[in-house]
Each structure stands twice: as C-alpha cells, then as structure tokens.
C-alpha cells in the first residue's frame, strides 16, 4: 500500500522534478507478494496507473534499480 505522504508528494511535485522510488518499495507498494529481481510487470503497471492519477509519468529504471515519477512538460 502506498503511504498517504506519497500522494502529497506527487500532487505537489513541480514540473520536471522526479520522485524516485527504490525497486523494493515498488514491489511492496504496488504488487506485494509478486517477487522481485526483476521488478514484476504487475508492479510497473500499477505504478504507471497510480502516477496517472496525479498527472505524472512513470518509468522503471532497471540499471538504477528504481522507478521515477515526474510531471511531463509539453513543448519543452
């Protein structure tokens, strides 16, 4: 379960600034019990959908072992 504070973070996230989440928390928050290494597709899909609720993009970065949420800026 995603902590309520994360909702506040994504709501207030400035444009072009990222909120990074380590992969172990991605699994715990978005797809508990699915395992990791690599992070499950279920966790990635759930994180992507969660980000959309706050007008954020999401991408999992396997080389950094974390995911990032950010607010996309059109026409930059």
C-alpha atoms as a PDB file:
ATOM      1  CA  UNK A   1       0.000   0.000   0.000  1.00  0.00           C
ATOM      2  CA  UNK A   2       1.331   3.398  -0.995  1.00  0.00           C
ATOM      3  CA  UNK A   3       1.824   5.715   2.005  1.00  0.00           C
ATOM      4  CA  UNK A   4      -0.506   8.728   2.038  1.00  0.00           C
ATOM      5  CA  UNK A   5       2.529  11.028   2.055  1.00  0.00           C
ATOM      6  CA  UNK A   6       3.380   9.831  -1.451  1.00  0.00           C
ATOM      7  CA  UNK A   7       0.020  11.138  -2.663  1.00  0.00           C
ATOM      8  CA  UNK A   8       1.035  14.559  -1.326  1.00  0.00           C
ATOM      9  CA  UNK A   9       4.456  14.313  -2.958  1.00  0.00           C
ATOM     10  CA  UNK A  10       3.000  13.600  -6.399  1.00  0.00           C
ATOM     11  CA  UNK A  11       0.253  16.191  -6.007  1.00  0.00           C
ATOM     12  CA  UNK A  12       2.818  18.896  -5.212  1.00  0.00           C
ATOM     13  CA  UNK A  13       5.587  17.631  -7.485  1.00  0.00           C
ATOM     14  CA  UNK A  14       6.971  20.544  -9.551  1.00  0.00           C
ATOM     15  CA  UNK A  15       7.262  20.150 -13.306  1.00  0.00           C
ATOM     16  CA  UNK A  16      10.453  18.424 -14.493  1.00  0.00           C
ATOM     17  CA  UNK A  17      11.372  17.197 -10.989  1.00  0.00           C
ATOM     18  CA  UNK A  18      11.398  13.467 -10.289  1.00  0.00           C
ATOM     19  CA  UNK A  19      10.322  11.399  -7.301  1.00  0.00           C
ATOM     20  CA  UNK A  20      12.448   8.248  -7.208  1.00  0.00           C
ATOM     21  CA  UNK A  21      11.280   5.028  -5.534  1.00  0.00           C
ATOM     22  CA  UNK A  22      13.624   2.071  -4.904  1.00  0.00           C
ATOM     23  CA  UNK A  23      12.521  -1.189  -6.520  1.00  0.00           C
ATOM     24  CA  UNK A  24      11.876  -2.984  -3.222  1.00  0.00           C
ATOM     25  CA  UNK A  25       9.318  -0.314  -2.321  1.00  0.00           C
ATOM     26  CA  UNK A  26       7.768  -0.512  -5.796  1.00  0.00           C
ATOM     27  CA  UNK A  27       7.022  -4.183  -5.164  1.00  0.00           C
ATOM     28  CA  UNK A  28       5.821  -3.578  -1.600  1.00  0.00           C
ATOM     29  CA  UNK A  29       3.570  -0.689  -2.589  1.00  0.00           C
ATOM     30  CA  UNK A  30       2.177  -1.792  -5.942  1.00  0.00           C
ATOM     31  CA  UNK A  31       2.325  -5.597  -6.165  1.00  0.00           C
ATOM     32  CA  UNK A  32       3.105  -7.190  -2.806  1.00  0.00           C
ATOM     33  CA  UNK A  33       3.913 -10.869  -2.958  1.00  0.00           C
ATOM     34  CA  UNK A  34       4.835 -10.928  -6.645  1.00  0.00           C
ATOM     35  CA  UNK A  35       8.568 -11.097  -6.002  1.00  0.00           C
ATOM     36  CA  UNK A  36      11.307  -9.009  -7.473  1.00  0.00           C
ATOM     37  CA  UNK A  37      14.583  -9.171  -9.356  1.00  0.00           C
ATOM     38  CA  UNK A  38      13.369  -8.148 -11.792  1.00  0.00           C
ATOM     39  CA  UNK A  39      10.503  -5.999 -10.616  1.00  0.00           C
ATOM     40  CA  UNK A  40       7.223  -7.571 -11.695  1.00  0.00           C
ATOM     41  CA  UNK A  41       5.261  -6.202 -14.609  1.00  0.00           C
ATOM     42  CA  UNK A  42       2.274  -6.015 -12.257  1.00  0.00           C
ATOM     43  CA  UNK A  43       4.163  -3.544 -10.043  1.00  0.00           C
ATOM     44  CA  UNK A  44       5.235  -1.463 -13.055  1.00  0.00           C
ATOM     45  CA  UNK A  45       1.693  -1.378 -14.449  1.00  0.00           C
ATOM     46  CA  UNK A  46       0.201  -0.447 -11.066  1.00  0.00           C
ATOM     47  CA  UNK A  47       2.806   2.302 -10.529  1.00  0.00           C
ATOM     48  CA  UNK A  48       2.101   3.673 -14.011  1.00  0.00           C
ATOM     49  CA  UNK A  49      -1.634   3.803 -13.284  1.00  0.00           C
ATOM     50  CA  UNK A  50      -1.027   5.346  -9.865  1.00  0.00           C
ATOM     51  CA  UNK A  51       1.114   8.090 -11.424  1.00  0.00           C
ATOM     52  CA  UNK A  52      -1.619   8.942 -13.921  1.00  0.00           C
ATOM     53  CA  UNK A  53      -3.956   9.751 -11.032  1.00  0.00           C
ATOM     54  CA  UNK A  54      -1.597  12.633 -10.228  1.00  0.00           C
ATOM     55  CA  UNK A  55      -0.874  13.620 -13.849  1.00  0.00           C
ATOM     56  CA  UNK A  56       2.568  12.022 -13.577  1.00  0.00           C
ATOM     57  CA  UNK A  57       4.514   9.796 -15.927  1.00  0.00           C
ATOM     58  CA  UNK A  58       6.268   6.711 -14.533  1.00  0.00           C
ATOM     59  CA  UNK A  59       9.248   4.754 -15.749  1.00  0.00           C
ATOM     60  CA  UNK A  60      11.119   1.858 -14.180  1.00  0.00           C
ATOM     61  CA  UNK A  61      14.904   2.184 -14.487  1.00  0.00           C
ATOM     62  CA  UNK A  62      16.390  -1.313 -14.068  1.00  0.00           C
ATOM     63  CA  UNK A  63      20.001  -0.119 -14.247  1.00  0.00           C
ATOM     64  CA  UNK A  64      19.336   2.185 -11.270  1.00  0.00           C
ATOM     65  CA  UNK A  65      17.030  -0.324  -9.539  1.00  0.00           C
ATOM     66  CA  UNK A  66      14.329   2.293  -9.035  1.00  0.00           C
ATOM     67  CA  UNK A  67      11.284   3.859 -10.587  1.00  0.00           C
ATOM     68  CA  UNK A  68      10.678   7.539 -11.186  1.00  0.00           C
ATOM     69  CA  UNK A  69       7.518   9.631 -11.265  1.00  0.00           C
ATOM     70  CA  UNK A  70       7.554  13.051 -12.930  1.00  0.00           C
ATOM     71  CA  UNK A  71       5.200  15.618 -14.370  1.00  0.00           C
ATOM     72  CA  UNK A  72       5.655  15.900 -18.099  1.00  0.00           C
ATOM     73  CA  UNK A  73       6.030  19.333 -19.655  1.00  0.00           C
ATOM     74  CA  UNK A  74       4.645  19.632 -23.187  1.00  0.00           C
ATOM     75  CA  UNK A  75       6.576  21.619 -25.802  1.00  0.00           C
ATOM     76  CA  UNK A  76       9.862  21.930 -23.955  1.00  0.00           C
END
